[in-house]
Amino acid sequence: MKTLIKCTINGKQTETVVDVRASLADLLRGEYRLTGVKKGCEVGECGACNVIIDGECYNSCIYLAVWADGKNIRTVEGLMGPNGELSEIQQAFIDEAAVQCGFCTPGFLMTAQNIIESKKHYTRDELRKELSGHLCRCTGYENILNAVEKAVEKTLAKE
């Protein structure tokens, strides 16, 4: 069974017919070629597929595409500025060498962006907990944590 959904993806209005059993990750990758959405575990455990939907992070591998109807979705491709400039969190990941293979990076970036947009001050332990839904098979997480902490502090200092 298929149904029509309308949603906003990275600021653009979209309309597409989807299989009611399809995941949002499948829709984003297959229909819209947003391959920054990584399919890691496909059971909501690794965080590689995280996207922001109406201001909250979700694992798009276990979020049905039909649930996205009427929603505002942002993927890692939507973090760049209008002229292609990197977002605060993307630059912090570079500055802190917070990537190795890069597979988990888009999901971490989306969760970190969600943390930044909350405009809250977090302790290092609180940030650790906020990022605990991600699995990285390459790093020791320390540089990732440093990058998120740096981006949060820098963003809050601007306000």
N, C-alpha and C. Protein backbone atom coordinates (compact mmCIF):
# COMPACT_ATOMS: atom_id res chain seq x y z
N MET A 1 0.85 -1.17 0.00
CA MET A 1 0.00 0.00 0.00
C MET A 1 0.90 1.24 0.00
N LYS A 2 0.50 2.23 -0.77
CA LYS A 2 1.26 3.48 -0.88
C LYS A 2 0.37 4.65 -0.52
N THR A 3 1.04 5.73 -0.08
CA THR A 3 0.30 6.93 0.27
C THR A 3 1.15 8.16 -0.04
N LEU A 4 0.49 9.28 -0.24
CA LEU A 4 1.15 10.55 -0.54
C LEU A 4 1.51 11.24 0.77
N ILE A 5 2.74 11.70 0.86
CA ILE A 5 3.13 12.52 2.01
C ILE A 5 3.73 13.83 1.51
N LYS A 6 3.52 14.86 2.31
CA LYS A 6 4.09 16.18 2.04
C LYS A 6 4.86 16.58 3.29
N CYS A 7 6.09 16.99 3.09
CA CYS A 7 6.89 17.44 4.22
C CYS A 7 7.95 18.42 3.71
N THR A 8 8.64 19.04 4.64
CA THR A 8 9.73 19.95 4.31
C THR A 8 11.03 19.25 4.66
N ILE A 9 11.93 19.16 3.70
CA ILE A 9 13.22 18.51 3.93
C ILE A 9 14.31 19.53 3.64
N ASN A 10 15.08 19.84 4.66
CA ASN A 10 16.17 20.84 4.55
C ASN A 10 15.67 22.14 3.92
N GLY A 11 14.49 22.57 4.36
CA GLY A 11 13.94 23.84 3.92
C GLY A 11 13.15 23.81 2.62
N LYS A 12 13.07 22.66 1.97
CA LYS A 12 12.36 22.56 0.69
C LYS A 12 11.09 21.74 0.85
N GLN A 13 9.98 22.29 0.35
CA GLN A 13 8.71 21.56 0.36
C GLN A 13 8.82 20.36 -0.57
N THR A 14 8.38 19.21 -0.10
CA THR A 14 8.43 18.00 -0.92
C THR A 14 7.07 17.31 -0.90
N GLU A 15 6.88 16.49 -1.90
CA GLU A 15 5.67 15.70 -2.01
C GLU A 15 6.07 14.40 -2.71
N THR A 16 5.75 13.28 -2.10
CA THR A 16 6.11 12.00 -2.71
C THR A 16 5.17 10.90 -2.26
N VAL A 17 5.06 9.88 -3.07
CA VAL A 17 4.27 8.71 -2.73
C VAL A 17 5.23 7.69 -2.12
N VAL A 18 4.86 7.17 -0.94
CA VAL A 18 5.74 6.22 -0.24
C VAL A 18 4.99 4.95 0.10
N ASP A 19 5.74 3.88 0.19
CA ASP A 19 5.22 2.62 0.70
C ASP A 19 4.99 2.83 2.20
N VAL A 20 3.87 2.43 2.72
CA VAL A 20 3.55 2.66 4.13
C VAL A 20 4.50 1.91 5.06
N ARG A 21 5.25 0.96 4.54
CA ARG A 21 6.20 0.21 5.36
C ARG A 21 7.61 0.78 5.31
N ALA A 22 7.86 1.77 4.46
CA ALA A 22 9.20 2.33 4.27
C ALA A 22 9.62 3.19 5.45
N SER A 23 10.89 3.11 5.78
CA SER A 23 11.43 3.96 6.84
C SER A 23 11.75 5.34 6.27
N LEU A 24 11.86 6.30 7.15
CA LEU A 24 12.26 7.64 6.73
C LEU A 24 13.67 7.60 6.16
N ALA A 25 14.54 6.80 6.73
CA ALA A 25 15.91 6.67 6.20
C ALA A 25 15.88 6.21 4.75
N ASP A 26 15.05 5.21 4.45
CA ASP A 26 14.93 4.73 3.08
C ASP A 26 14.43 5.83 2.15
N LEU A 27 13.44 6.59 2.59
CA LEU A 27 12.91 7.68 1.79
C LEU A 27 13.98 8.74 1.52
N LEU A 28 14.66 9.17 2.57
CA LEU A 28 15.67 10.23 2.43
C LEU A 28 16.82 9.80 1.53
N ARG A 29 17.28 8.58 1.71
CA ARG A 29 18.40 8.08 0.91
C ARG A 29 17.97 7.73 -0.52
N GLY A 30 16.86 7.02 -0.65
CA GLY A 30 16.44 6.53 -1.95
C GLY A 30 15.80 7.57 -2.85
N GLU A 31 14.81 8.27 -2.32
CA GLU A 31 14.05 9.23 -3.11
C GLU A 31 14.77 10.57 -3.27
N TYR A 32 15.42 11.03 -2.19
CA TYR A 32 16.02 12.36 -2.20
C TYR A 32 17.54 12.35 -2.26
N ARG A 33 18.13 11.19 -2.29
CA ARG A 33 19.60 11.01 -2.41
C ARG A 33 20.37 11.75 -1.31
N LEU A 34 19.79 11.81 -0.13
CA LEU A 34 20.44 12.42 1.03
C LEU A 34 21.22 11.32 1.74
N THR A 35 22.38 11.01 1.17
CA THR A 35 23.16 9.86 1.64
C THR A 35 23.96 10.14 2.91
N GLY A 36 23.86 11.36 3.44
CA GLY A 36 24.44 11.63 4.74
C GLY A 36 23.71 10.86 5.83
N VAL A 37 22.48 10.49 5.55
CA VAL A 37 21.70 9.65 6.47
C VAL A 37 22.24 8.23 6.30
N LYS A 38 22.96 7.76 7.29
CA LYS A 38 23.60 6.45 7.20
C LYS A 38 22.72 5.37 7.81
N LYS A 39 22.67 4.23 7.15
CA LYS A 39 21.94 3.08 7.68
C LYS A 39 22.98 2.16 8.32
N GLY A 40 23.06 2.24 9.64
CA GLY A 40 24.04 1.44 10.36
C GLY A 40 23.44 0.14 10.85
N CYS A 41 22.63 0.23 11.86
CA CYS A 41 22.08 -0.98 12.50
C CYS A 41 20.67 -1.30 12.02
N GLU A 42 19.93 -0.30 11.59
CA GLU A 42 18.54 -0.38 11.16
C GLU A 42 17.57 -0.84 12.26
N VAL A 43 17.99 -0.70 13.53
CA VAL A 43 17.10 -1.02 14.65
C VAL A 43 17.12 0.08 15.72
N GLY A 44 17.64 1.25 15.37
CA GLY A 44 17.61 2.38 16.29
C GLY A 44 18.63 2.33 17.41
N GLU A 45 19.72 1.62 17.23
CA GLU A 45 20.71 1.48 18.29
C GLU A 45 21.98 2.30 18.09
N CYS A 46 22.34 2.62 16.83
CA CYS A 46 23.67 3.21 16.59
C CYS A 46 23.67 4.71 16.40
N GLY A 47 22.54 5.32 16.02
CA GLY A 47 22.45 6.76 15.86
C GLY A 47 22.98 7.31 14.54
N ALA A 48 23.50 6.46 13.66
CA ALA A 48 24.07 6.95 12.40
C ALA A 48 23.04 7.60 11.49
N CYS A 49 21.78 7.26 11.68
CA CYS A 49 20.72 7.77 10.80
C CYS A 49 19.96 8.95 11.40
N ASN A 50 20.46 9.52 12.50
CA ASN A 50 19.71 10.58 13.17
C ASN A 50 19.44 11.78 12.27
N VAL A 51 18.21 12.25 12.36
CA VAL A 51 17.77 13.48 11.69
C VAL A 51 16.97 14.28 12.72
N ILE A 52 16.80 15.54 12.44
CA ILE A 52 15.99 16.39 13.32
C ILE A 52 14.63 16.56 12.66
N ILE A 53 13.59 16.20 13.40
CA ILE A 53 12.21 16.32 12.92
C ILE A 53 11.47 17.24 13.88
N ASP A 54 11.01 18.36 13.33
CA ASP A 54 10.31 19.36 14.15
C ASP A 54 11.06 19.66 15.45
N GLY A 55 12.37 19.83 15.34
CA GLY A 55 13.18 20.25 16.48
C GLY A 55 13.62 19.16 17.43
N GLU A 56 13.40 17.92 17.09
CA GLU A 56 13.81 16.81 17.97
C GLU A 56 14.50 15.73 17.15
N CYS A 57 15.54 15.13 17.74
CA CYS A 57 16.29 14.08 17.04
C CYS A 57 15.55 12.75 17.05
N TYR A 58 15.60 12.07 15.92
CA TYR A 58 15.01 10.75 15.80
C TYR A 58 15.94 9.85 14.99
N ASN A 59 15.86 8.56 15.27
CA ASN A 59 16.53 7.56 14.45
C ASN A 59 15.63 7.33 13.24
N SER A 60 16.07 7.75 12.08
CA SER A 60 15.21 7.67 10.90
C SER A 60 15.04 6.24 10.39
N CYS A 61 15.85 5.31 10.87
CA CYS A 61 15.72 3.92 10.43
C CYS A 61 14.49 3.24 11.04
N ILE A 62 14.01 3.75 12.16
CA ILE A 62 12.83 3.16 12.81
C ILE A 62 11.65 4.13 12.84
N TYR A 63 11.76 5.21 12.10
CA TYR A 63 10.71 6.21 11.96
C TYR A 63 10.09 6.00 10.59
N LEU A 64 8.82 5.67 10.54
CA LEU A 64 8.18 5.42 9.26
C LEU A 64 8.08 6.70 8.44
N ALA A 65 8.28 6.57 7.14
CA ALA A 65 8.20 7.72 6.24
C ALA A 65 6.82 8.38 6.30
N VAL A 66 5.77 7.59 6.46
CA VAL A 66 4.41 8.16 6.52
C VAL A 66 4.23 9.08 7.73
N TRP A 67 4.98 8.83 8.78
CA TRP A 67 4.89 9.69 9.97
C TRP A 67 5.46 11.08 9.70
N ALA A 68 6.24 11.22 8.64
CA ALA A 68 6.87 12.50 8.31
C ALA A 68 5.90 13.47 7.63
N ASP A 69 4.71 13.01 7.31
CA ASP A 69 3.75 13.87 6.64
C ASP A 69 3.50 15.13 7.47
N GLY A 70 3.71 16.28 6.84
CA GLY A 70 3.49 17.57 7.50
C GLY A 70 4.63 18.02 8.39
N LYS A 71 5.70 17.25 8.44
CA LYS A 71 6.81 17.56 9.35
C LYS A 71 7.91 18.35 8.65
N ASN A 72 8.76 18.96 9.48
CA ASN A 72 9.95 19.67 9.01
C ASN A 72 11.15 18.80 9.38
N ILE A 73 11.86 18.31 8.37
CA ILE A 73 12.96 17.37 8.58
C ILE A 73 14.27 18.04 8.16
N ARG A 74 15.28 17.83 8.99
CA ARG A 74 16.62 18.35 8.65
C ARG A 74 17.62 17.22 8.74
N THR A 75 18.41 17.08 7.69
CA THR A 75 19.48 16.09 7.65
C THR A 75 20.82 16.81 7.74
N VAL A 76 21.89 16.06 7.79
CA VAL A 76 23.22 16.67 7.86
C VAL A 76 23.48 17.58 6.66
N GLU A 77 22.88 17.27 5.53
CA GLU A 77 23.05 18.13 4.35
C GLU A 77 22.43 19.50 4.58
N GLY A 78 21.52 19.61 5.51
CA GLY A 78 20.86 20.87 5.81
C GLY A 78 21.58 21.73 6.84
N LEU A 79 22.75 21.29 7.30
CA LEU A 79 23.49 22.06 8.30
C LEU A 79 24.29 23.20 7.68
N MET A 80 24.67 23.07 6.43
CA MET A 80 25.47 24.10 5.78
C MET A 80 24.71 25.41 5.67
N GLY A 81 25.46 26.48 5.65
CA GLY A 81 24.87 27.79 5.45
C GLY A 81 24.47 27.99 4.00
N PRO A 82 23.81 29.11 3.69
CA PRO A 82 23.30 29.35 2.33
C PRO A 82 24.39 29.42 1.27
N ASN A 83 25.61 29.75 1.65
CA ASN A 83 26.71 29.84 0.70
C ASN A 83 27.68 28.67 0.84
N GLY A 84 27.20 27.59 1.46
CA GLY A 84 28.03 26.40 1.60
C GLY A 84 28.98 26.43 2.79
N GLU A 85 28.87 27.44 3.62
CA GLU A 85 29.76 27.52 4.78
C GLU A 85 29.35 26.46 5.82
N LEU A 86 30.36 25.98 6.53
CA LEU A 86 30.12 24.95 7.54
C LEU A 86 29.40 25.54 8.75
N SER A 87 28.60 24.71 9.37
CA SER A 87 27.94 25.13 10.61
C SER A 87 28.97 25.10 11.74
N GLU A 88 28.58 25.67 12.85
CA GLU A 88 29.46 25.71 14.03
C GLU A 88 29.89 24.30 14.44
N ILE A 89 28.96 23.36 14.44
CA ILE A 89 29.29 22.00 14.87
C ILE A 89 30.16 21.28 13.85
N GLN A 90 29.92 21.49 12.58
CA GLN A 90 30.77 20.87 11.56
C GLN A 90 32.21 21.37 11.69
N GLN A 91 32.37 22.68 11.89
CA GLN A 91 33.71 23.24 12.04
C GLN A 91 34.38 22.72 13.30
N ALA A 92 33.62 22.58 14.37
CA ALA A 92 34.18 22.06 15.62
C ALA A 92 34.66 20.62 15.46
N PHE A 93 33.95 19.81 14.70
CA PHE A 93 34.39 18.43 14.44
C PHE A 93 35.71 18.42 13.69
N ILE A 94 35.88 19.35 12.77
CA ILE A 94 37.16 19.45 12.05
C ILE A 94 38.26 19.92 13.00
N ASP A 95 37.98 21.00 13.72
CA ASP A 95 38.99 21.57 14.63
C ASP A 95 39.46 20.59 15.68
N GLU A 96 38.57 19.76 16.17
CA GLU A 96 38.89 18.82 17.24
C GLU A 96 39.25 17.43 16.74
N ALA A 97 39.39 17.27 15.43
CA ALA A 97 39.71 15.97 14.82
C ALA A 97 38.76 14.89 15.35
N ALA A 98 37.47 15.18 15.27
CA ALA A 98 36.45 14.30 15.85
C ALA A 98 35.91 13.27 14.86
N VAL A 99 36.65 13.03 13.79
CA VAL A 99 36.21 12.02 12.82
C VAL A 99 37.36 11.09 12.48
N GLN A 100 36.99 9.86 12.18
CA GLN A 100 37.96 8.94 11.60
C GLN A 100 37.36 8.42 10.31
N CYS A 101 36.64 7.32 10.35
CA CYS A 101 36.08 6.81 9.09
C CYS A 101 34.92 7.69 8.62
N GLY A 102 34.21 8.36 9.55
CA GLY A 102 33.15 9.29 9.20
C GLY A 102 31.76 8.70 9.11
N PHE A 103 31.62 7.39 9.23
CA PHE A 103 30.30 6.78 9.06
C PHE A 103 29.31 7.28 10.11
N CYS A 104 29.73 7.38 11.35
CA CYS A 104 28.83 7.80 12.42
C CYS A 104 28.68 9.32 12.51
N THR A 105 29.54 10.05 11.83
CA THR A 105 29.61 11.50 11.99
C THR A 105 28.30 12.22 11.70
N PRO A 106 27.58 11.93 10.62
CA PRO A 106 26.33 12.67 10.38
C PRO A 106 25.33 12.55 11.53
N GLY A 107 25.20 11.38 12.10
CA GLY A 107 24.28 11.20 13.23
C GLY A 107 24.72 11.99 14.45
N PHE A 108 26.03 11.93 14.74
CA PHE A 108 26.57 12.73 15.85
C PHE A 108 26.32 14.21 15.61
N LEU A 109 26.55 14.67 14.37
CA LEU A 109 26.36 16.08 14.06
C LEU A 109 24.92 16.52 14.29
N MET A 110 23.98 15.67 13.91
CA MET A 110 22.57 16.04 14.08
C MET A 110 22.17 16.09 15.55
N THR A 111 22.64 15.12 16.32
CA THR A 111 22.36 15.16 17.76
C THR A 111 23.01 16.38 18.39
N ALA A 112 24.25 16.65 18.00
CA ALA A 112 24.96 17.82 18.53
C ALA A 112 24.25 19.12 18.14
N GLN A 113 23.75 19.19 16.92
CA GLN A 113 23.02 20.38 16.48
C GLN A 113 21.76 20.55 17.33
N ASN A 114 21.10 19.46 17.62
CA ASN A 114 19.92 19.50 18.46
C ASN A 114 20.27 19.99 19.87
N ILE A 115 21.40 19.56 20.38
CA ILE A 115 21.90 20.01 21.69
C ILE A 115 22.15 21.51 21.64
N ILE A 116 22.83 21.96 20.61
CA ILE A 116 23.14 23.39 20.46
C ILE A 116 21.86 24.22 20.41
N GLU A 117 20.88 23.75 19.65
CA GLU A 117 19.64 24.50 19.49
C GLU A 117 18.79 24.53 20.76
N SER A 118 19.09 23.66 21.71
CA SER A 118 18.36 23.69 22.98
C SER A 118 18.75 24.91 23.81
N LYS A 119 19.92 25.50 23.49
CA LYS A 119 20.44 26.70 24.16
C LYS A 119 20.58 26.52 25.66
N LYS A 120 20.91 25.30 26.06
CA LYS A 120 21.14 24.99 27.47
C LYS A 120 22.63 24.82 27.74
N HIS A 121 23.00 25.10 28.96
CA HIS A 121 24.36 24.80 29.39
C HIS A 121 24.39 23.36 29.89
N TYR A 122 25.34 22.58 29.43
CA TYR A 122 25.47 21.19 29.82
C TYR A 122 26.80 20.96 30.50
N THR A 123 26.79 20.10 31.50
CA THR A 123 28.06 19.64 32.05
C THR A 123 28.62 18.61 31.09
N ARG A 124 29.87 18.28 31.25
CA ARG A 124 30.49 17.27 30.38
C ARG A 124 29.78 15.92 30.53
N ASP A 125 29.39 15.58 31.74
CA ASP A 125 28.66 14.32 31.96
C ASP A 125 27.29 14.35 31.30
N GLU A 126 26.62 15.50 31.33
CA GLU A 126 25.32 15.61 30.66
C GLU A 126 25.47 15.46 29.15
N LEU A 127 26.53 16.05 28.60
CA LEU A 127 26.78 15.90 27.16
C LEU A 127 27.05 14.45 26.82
N ARG A 128 27.81 13.78 27.66
CA ARG A 128 28.08 12.36 27.45
C ARG A 128 26.76 11.57 27.36
N LYS A 129 25.86 11.87 28.27
CA LYS A 129 24.57 11.18 28.28
C LYS A 129 23.76 11.51 27.02
N GLU A 130 23.76 12.77 26.61
CA GLU A 130 23.03 13.19 25.41
C GLU A 130 23.56 12.48 24.16
N LEU A 131 24.84 12.18 24.13
CA LEU A 131 25.46 11.54 22.98
C LEU A 131 25.51 10.02 23.09
N SER A 132 24.98 9.49 24.16
CA SER A 132 25.11 8.05 24.43
C SER A 132 24.34 7.16 23.46
N GLY A 133 23.47 7.72 22.66
CA GLY A 133 22.71 6.94 21.69
C GLY A 133 23.46 6.67 20.40
N HIS A 134 24.76 6.95 20.40
CA HIS A 134 25.58 6.78 19.19
C HIS A 134 26.68 5.76 19.42
N LEU A 135 26.95 5.02 18.39
CA LEU A 135 28.06 4.08 18.40
C LEU A 135 29.09 4.52 17.37
N CYS A 136 30.32 4.58 17.81
CA CYS A 136 31.43 4.88 16.91
C CYS A 136 32.41 3.73 17.06
N ARG A 137 32.78 3.13 15.98
CA ARG A 137 33.66 1.97 16.03
C ARG A 137 35.13 2.35 15.88
N CYS A 138 35.42 3.64 15.68
CA CYS A 138 36.80 4.06 15.41
C CYS A 138 37.46 4.85 16.54
N THR A 139 36.71 5.77 17.13
CA THR A 139 37.33 6.71 18.07
C THR A 139 37.08 6.32 19.52
N GLY A 140 37.69 7.06 20.39
CA GLY A 140 37.46 6.88 21.82
C GLY A 140 36.43 7.87 22.33
N TYR A 141 35.71 8.52 21.45
CA TYR A 141 34.63 9.48 21.76
C TYR A 141 35.12 10.80 22.35
N GLU A 142 36.33 10.86 22.85
CA GLU A 142 36.80 12.06 23.54
C GLU A 142 36.81 13.28 22.62
N ASN A 143 37.32 13.13 21.40
CA ASN A 143 37.37 14.26 20.48
C ASN A 143 35.96 14.69 20.05
N ILE A 144 35.06 13.74 19.95
CA ILE A 144 33.67 14.06 19.62
C ILE A 144 33.06 14.89 20.75
N LEU A 145 33.27 14.45 21.96
CA LEU A 145 32.77 15.17 23.13
C LEU A 145 33.39 16.57 23.19
N ASN A 146 34.69 16.68 22.93
CA ASN A 146 35.36 17.99 22.91
C ASN A 146 34.74 18.91 21.86
N ALA A 147 34.46 18.36 20.68
CA ALA A 147 33.89 19.17 19.60
C ALA A 147 32.50 19.68 19.97
N VAL A 148 31.68 18.82 20.53
CA VAL A 148 30.32 19.23 20.91
C VAL A 148 30.39 20.29 22.01
N GLU A 149 31.23 20.05 22.99
CA GLU A 149 31.39 21.01 24.09
C GLU A 149 31.84 22.38 23.54
N LYS A 150 32.79 22.36 22.64
CA LYS A 150 33.31 23.59 22.05
C LYS A 150 32.22 24.33 21.28
N ALA A 151 31.47 23.62 20.46
CA ALA A 151 30.42 24.25 19.65
C ALA A 151 29.30 24.81 20.53
N VAL A 152 28.93 24.08 21.56
CA VAL A 152 27.88 24.56 22.48
C VAL A 152 28.34 25.84 23.16
N GLU A 153 29.57 25.83 23.70
CA GLU A 153 30.09 27.02 24.39
C GLU A 153 30.20 28.21 23.45
N LYS A 154 30.69 27.97 22.24
CA LYS A 154 30.87 29.06 21.28
C LYS A 154 29.52 29.65 20.87
N THR A 155 28.55 28.80 20.66
CA THR A 155 27.22 29.26 20.27
C THR A 155 26.55 30.05 21.39
N LEU A 156 26.64 29.54 22.61
CA LEU A 156 26.03 30.23 23.74
C LEU A 156 26.72 31.57 24.02
N ALA A 157 28.02 31.66 23.76
CA ALA A 157 28.76 32.89 23.99
C ALA A 157 28.30 34.00 23.03
N LYS A 158 27.81 33.62 21.86
CA LYS A 158 27.35 34.60 20.87
C LYS A 158 26.02 35.23 21.26
N GLU A 159 25.28 34.57 22.13
CA GLU A 159 23.93 35.06 22.46
C GLU A 159 23.92 35.95 23.67
